[in-house]
Amino acid sequence: MNSLHVEIPMPVAAISKNGSHGTWHKQQELFQQAKTDAYNCIVNVRNNSPCQLPWTGPVVVLVRWYARSKPFPDFDNMVARLAPAMDAAQAAN
């Protein structure tokens, strides 16, 4: 089975769904920056990988989340913060 291991920077908390994190414009700017960062990481790994591309089967995404703070971010916020990376993975295909 072919696989790629991609590490992306931790998305900033301001793109979480909960709470007030400034203006919509600022949140969108941070979202786009996180998406660009993730896209660059994915493309770099993909271009330097011996894996056969493009894939023709299902894709499995495994997320390991390491938080430095307590309490641990709730699930909804983690999913929201991963949205830019998921968008980047689709764009990199």
N, C-alpha and C. Protein backbone atom coordinates (compact mmCIF):
# COMPACT_ATOMS: atom_id res chain seq x y z
N MET A 1 0.84 -1.18 0.00
CA MET A 1 0.00 0.00 0.00
C MET A 1 0.89 1.24 0.00
N ASN A 2 0.62 2.16 -0.90
CA ASN A 2 1.34 3.42 -0.94
C ASN A 2 0.78 4.37 0.10
N SER A 3 1.64 5.18 0.65
CA SER A 3 1.16 6.18 1.60
C SER A 3 2.08 7.38 1.58
N LEU A 4 1.54 8.50 1.96
CA LEU A 4 2.29 9.73 2.12
C LEU A 4 2.11 10.18 3.56
N HIS A 5 3.17 10.63 4.16
CA HIS A 5 3.11 11.19 5.51
C HIS A 5 3.41 12.68 5.38
N VAL A 6 2.42 13.49 5.68
CA VAL A 6 2.56 14.94 5.55
C VAL A 6 2.34 15.59 6.90
N GLU A 7 3.29 16.38 7.34
CA GLU A 7 3.13 17.16 8.56
C GLU A 7 2.87 18.60 8.16
N ILE A 8 1.81 19.16 8.73
CA ILE A 8 1.47 20.55 8.43
C ILE A 8 1.57 21.37 9.71
N PRO A 9 1.76 22.68 9.56
CA PRO A 9 1.79 23.54 10.75
C PRO A 9 0.42 23.53 11.44
N MET A 10 0.43 23.70 12.74
CA MET A 10 -0.82 23.78 13.50
C MET A 10 -1.58 25.04 13.07
N PRO A 11 -2.81 24.86 12.58
CA PRO A 11 -3.60 26.04 12.21
C PRO A 11 -3.91 26.91 13.44
N VAL A 12 -3.95 28.18 13.24
CA VAL A 12 -4.19 29.12 14.34
C VAL A 12 -5.60 28.97 14.90
N ALA A 13 -5.74 29.26 16.17
CA ALA A 13 -7.04 29.12 16.85
C ALA A 13 -8.09 30.08 16.28
N ALA A 14 -7.66 31.16 15.67
CA ALA A 14 -8.62 32.16 15.17
C ALA A 14 -9.52 31.63 14.07
N ILE A 15 -9.19 30.48 13.46
CA ILE A 15 -10.09 29.95 12.44
C ILE A 15 -11.05 28.92 13.01
N SER A 16 -11.05 28.78 14.35
CA SER A 16 -12.02 27.91 15.01
C SER A 16 -13.42 28.48 14.84
N LYS A 17 -14.40 27.61 14.98
CA LYS A 17 -15.79 28.05 14.83
C LYS A 17 -16.32 28.77 16.06
N ASN A 18 -15.84 28.40 17.23
CA ASN A 18 -16.37 28.96 18.47
C ASN A 18 -15.65 30.25 18.85
N GLY A 19 -16.40 31.14 19.46
CA GLY A 19 -15.80 32.35 19.99
C GLY A 19 -15.66 33.45 18.96
N SER A 20 -15.26 34.59 19.43
CA SER A 20 -15.05 35.75 18.57
C SER A 20 -13.56 35.88 18.31
N HIS A 21 -13.19 35.84 17.06
CA HIS A 21 -11.78 35.90 16.70
C HIS A 21 -11.50 37.04 15.72
N GLY A 22 -12.21 38.12 15.87
CA GLY A 22 -11.99 39.25 14.98
C GLY A 22 -12.98 39.28 13.83
N THR A 23 -12.65 40.06 12.84
CA THR A 23 -13.54 40.25 11.71
C THR A 23 -13.53 39.04 10.78
N TRP A 24 -14.58 38.91 9.98
CA TRP A 24 -14.66 37.83 9.01
C TRP A 24 -13.48 37.92 8.05
N HIS A 25 -13.14 39.14 7.64
CA HIS A 25 -12.04 39.33 6.70
C HIS A 25 -10.73 38.78 7.25
N LYS A 26 -10.46 39.05 8.52
CA LYS A 26 -9.23 38.57 9.15
C LYS A 26 -9.25 37.04 9.26
N GLN A 27 -10.40 36.46 9.63
CA GLN A 27 -10.52 35.01 9.70
C GLN A 27 -10.29 34.38 8.34
N GLN A 28 -10.85 34.96 7.31
CA GLN A 28 -10.68 34.44 5.96
C GLN A 28 -9.22 34.53 5.51
N GLU A 29 -8.57 35.60 5.87
CA GLU A 29 -7.15 35.77 5.54
C GLU A 29 -6.31 34.67 6.22
N LEU A 30 -6.59 34.40 7.49
CA LEU A 30 -5.89 33.35 8.22
C LEU A 30 -6.19 31.96 7.65
N PHE A 31 -7.45 31.74 7.26
CA PHE A 31 -7.85 30.47 6.65
C PHE A 31 -7.06 30.25 5.36
N GLN A 32 -6.99 31.27 4.52
CA GLN A 32 -6.27 31.15 3.24
C GLN A 32 -4.78 30.93 3.46
N GLN A 33 -4.21 31.56 4.48
CA GLN A 33 -2.79 31.36 4.78
C GLN A 33 -2.54 29.92 5.24
N ALA A 34 -3.44 29.40 6.09
CA ALA A 34 -3.31 28.02 6.56
C ALA A 34 -3.45 27.04 5.38
N LYS A 35 -4.36 27.35 4.47
CA LYS A 35 -4.55 26.50 3.30
C LYS A 35 -3.31 26.52 2.41
N THR A 36 -2.73 27.68 2.21
CA THR A 36 -1.51 27.79 1.40
C THR A 36 -0.36 27.03 2.04
N ASP A 37 -0.20 27.18 3.35
CA ASP A 37 0.87 26.46 4.06
C ASP A 37 0.70 24.96 3.91
N ALA A 38 -0.51 24.47 4.12
CA ALA A 38 -0.78 23.02 4.00
C ALA A 38 -0.57 22.55 2.57
N TYR A 39 -1.02 23.32 1.60
CA TYR A 39 -0.85 22.96 0.19
C TYR A 39 0.63 22.82 -0.15
N ASN A 40 1.43 23.77 0.29
CA ASN A 40 2.87 23.72 0.01
C ASN A 40 3.51 22.49 0.64
N CYS A 41 3.11 22.14 1.85
CA CYS A 41 3.63 20.93 2.51
C CYS A 41 3.24 19.68 1.73
N ILE A 42 1.99 19.59 1.33
CA ILE A 42 1.49 18.41 0.61
C ILE A 42 2.18 18.26 -0.74
N VAL A 43 2.29 19.34 -1.49
CA VAL A 43 2.91 19.28 -2.82
C VAL A 43 4.39 18.93 -2.69
N ASN A 44 5.06 19.47 -1.70
CA ASN A 44 6.47 19.16 -1.50
C ASN A 44 6.67 17.67 -1.21
N VAL A 45 5.86 17.11 -0.33
CA VAL A 45 5.97 15.67 -0.02
C VAL A 45 5.60 14.84 -1.25
N ARG A 46 4.52 15.22 -1.91
CA ARG A 46 4.06 14.46 -3.08
C ARG A 46 5.12 14.45 -4.18
N ASN A 47 5.73 15.57 -4.45
CA ASN A 47 6.71 15.66 -5.53
C ASN A 47 8.01 14.93 -5.23
N ASN A 48 8.27 14.67 -3.96
CA ASN A 48 9.49 13.97 -3.57
C ASN A 48 9.21 12.55 -3.10
N SER A 49 8.06 12.00 -3.48
CA SER A 49 7.65 10.68 -3.01
C SER A 49 7.76 9.65 -4.12
N PRO A 50 8.12 8.41 -3.76
CA PRO A 50 8.15 7.34 -4.75
C PRO A 50 6.76 6.74 -5.00
N CYS A 51 5.74 7.22 -4.31
CA CYS A 51 4.38 6.68 -4.48
C CYS A 51 3.89 6.89 -5.90
N GLN A 52 3.10 5.95 -6.36
CA GLN A 52 2.51 6.05 -7.69
C GLN A 52 1.29 6.97 -7.63
N LEU A 53 1.32 8.02 -8.40
CA LEU A 53 0.22 8.98 -8.44
C LEU A 53 -0.30 9.09 -9.86
N PRO A 54 -1.54 9.40 -10.11
CA PRO A 54 -2.58 9.68 -9.13
C PRO A 54 -3.14 8.40 -8.54
N TRP A 55 -3.77 8.54 -7.38
CA TRP A 55 -4.39 7.39 -6.74
C TRP A 55 -5.70 7.07 -7.45
N THR A 56 -6.04 5.81 -7.47
CA THR A 56 -7.30 5.40 -8.08
C THR A 56 -8.27 4.83 -7.05
N GLY A 57 -7.83 4.66 -5.84
CA GLY A 57 -8.68 4.08 -4.80
C GLY A 57 -9.05 5.09 -3.74
N PRO A 58 -9.60 4.60 -2.65
CA PRO A 58 -9.99 5.51 -1.57
C PRO A 58 -8.76 6.11 -0.88
N VAL A 59 -8.98 7.25 -0.29
CA VAL A 59 -7.93 7.93 0.45
C VAL A 59 -8.32 7.95 1.92
N VAL A 60 -7.42 7.57 2.78
CA VAL A 60 -7.65 7.58 4.22
C VAL A 60 -6.81 8.70 4.83
N VAL A 61 -7.44 9.51 5.63
CA VAL A 61 -6.74 10.60 6.29
C VAL A 61 -6.68 10.29 7.78
N LEU A 62 -5.48 10.24 8.31
CA LEU A 62 -5.26 10.01 9.74
C LEU A 62 -4.70 11.30 10.33
N VAL A 63 -5.37 11.79 11.35
CA VAL A 63 -4.94 13.03 11.98
C VAL A 63 -4.47 12.72 13.39
N ARG A 64 -3.28 13.17 13.69
CA ARG A 64 -2.77 13.10 15.06
C ARG A 64 -2.63 14.54 15.53
N TRP A 65 -3.37 14.86 16.55
CA TRP A 65 -3.43 16.23 17.04
C TRP A 65 -2.68 16.32 18.36
N TYR A 66 -1.68 17.16 18.42
CA TYR A 66 -0.92 17.36 19.64
C TYR A 66 -1.15 18.80 20.11
N ALA A 67 -1.75 18.93 21.27
CA ALA A 67 -2.02 20.26 21.82
C ALA A 67 -1.09 20.53 22.98
N ARG A 68 -0.56 21.71 23.02
CA ARG A 68 0.34 22.10 24.10
C ARG A 68 -0.41 22.61 25.32
N SER A 69 -1.66 22.94 25.13
CA SER A 69 -2.39 23.57 26.22
C SER A 69 -3.49 22.66 26.74
N LYS A 70 -3.93 22.97 27.93
CA LYS A 70 -5.09 22.31 28.51
C LYS A 70 -6.07 23.41 28.85
N PRO A 71 -7.32 23.25 28.65
CA PRO A 71 -7.96 22.04 28.18
C PRO A 71 -7.71 21.80 26.69
N PHE A 72 -7.79 20.55 26.32
CA PHE A 72 -7.61 20.15 24.93
C PHE A 72 -8.73 20.76 24.09
N PRO A 73 -8.44 21.28 22.89
CA PRO A 73 -9.51 21.87 22.06
C PRO A 73 -10.63 20.87 21.79
N ASP A 74 -11.87 21.36 21.77
CA ASP A 74 -12.97 20.44 21.52
C ASP A 74 -12.99 20.00 20.06
N PHE A 75 -13.73 18.95 19.79
CA PHE A 75 -13.72 18.31 18.47
C PHE A 75 -14.15 19.26 17.36
N ASP A 76 -15.21 20.05 17.60
CA ASP A 76 -15.69 20.98 16.57
C ASP A 76 -14.60 21.97 16.16
N ASN A 77 -13.87 22.46 17.13
CA ASN A 77 -12.80 23.41 16.81
C ASN A 77 -11.64 22.74 16.09
N MET A 78 -11.33 21.51 16.45
CA MET A 78 -10.26 20.80 15.74
C MET A 78 -10.64 20.59 14.28
N VAL A 79 -11.88 20.19 14.03
CA VAL A 79 -12.34 19.97 12.65
C VAL A 79 -12.30 21.29 11.87
N ALA A 80 -12.74 22.37 12.49
CA ALA A 80 -12.72 23.68 11.82
C ALA A 80 -11.29 24.10 11.48
N ARG A 81 -10.36 23.81 12.38
CA ARG A 81 -8.97 24.20 12.15
C ARG A 81 -8.29 23.31 11.12
N LEU A 82 -8.85 22.13 10.86
CA LEU A 82 -8.30 21.25 9.83
C LEU A 82 -8.90 21.49 8.45
N ALA A 83 -9.96 22.27 8.37
CA ALA A 83 -10.62 22.53 7.08
C ALA A 83 -9.66 23.07 6.02
N PRO A 84 -8.76 24.00 6.34
CA PRO A 84 -7.83 24.47 5.30
C PRO A 84 -6.95 23.35 4.76
N ALA A 85 -6.52 22.43 5.62
CA ALA A 85 -5.68 21.32 5.17
C ALA A 85 -6.45 20.37 4.26
N MET A 86 -7.72 20.12 4.58
CA MET A 86 -8.54 19.26 3.73
C MET A 86 -8.76 19.92 2.36
N ASP A 87 -9.01 21.22 2.36
CA ASP A 87 -9.15 21.95 1.09
C ASP A 87 -7.86 21.89 0.29
N ALA A 88 -6.74 22.03 0.97
CA ALA A 88 -5.43 21.99 0.29
C ALA A 88 -5.17 20.61 -0.31
N ALA A 89 -5.54 19.57 0.42
CA ALA A 89 -5.34 18.21 -0.09
C ALA A 89 -6.15 17.98 -1.36
N GLN A 90 -7.37 18.48 -1.40
CA GLN A 90 -8.16 18.36 -2.62
C GLN A 90 -7.55 19.16 -3.77
N ALA A 91 -7.06 20.35 -3.47
CA ALA A 91 -6.48 21.20 -4.52
C ALA A 91 -5.17 20.61 -5.05
N ALA A 92 -4.45 19.88 -4.22
CA ALA A 92 -3.16 19.32 -4.62
C ALA A 92 -3.29 18.06 -5.45
N ASN A 93 -4.47 17.49 -5.53
CA ASN A 93 -4.67 16.24 -6.25
C ASN A 93 -4.56 16.43 -7.74
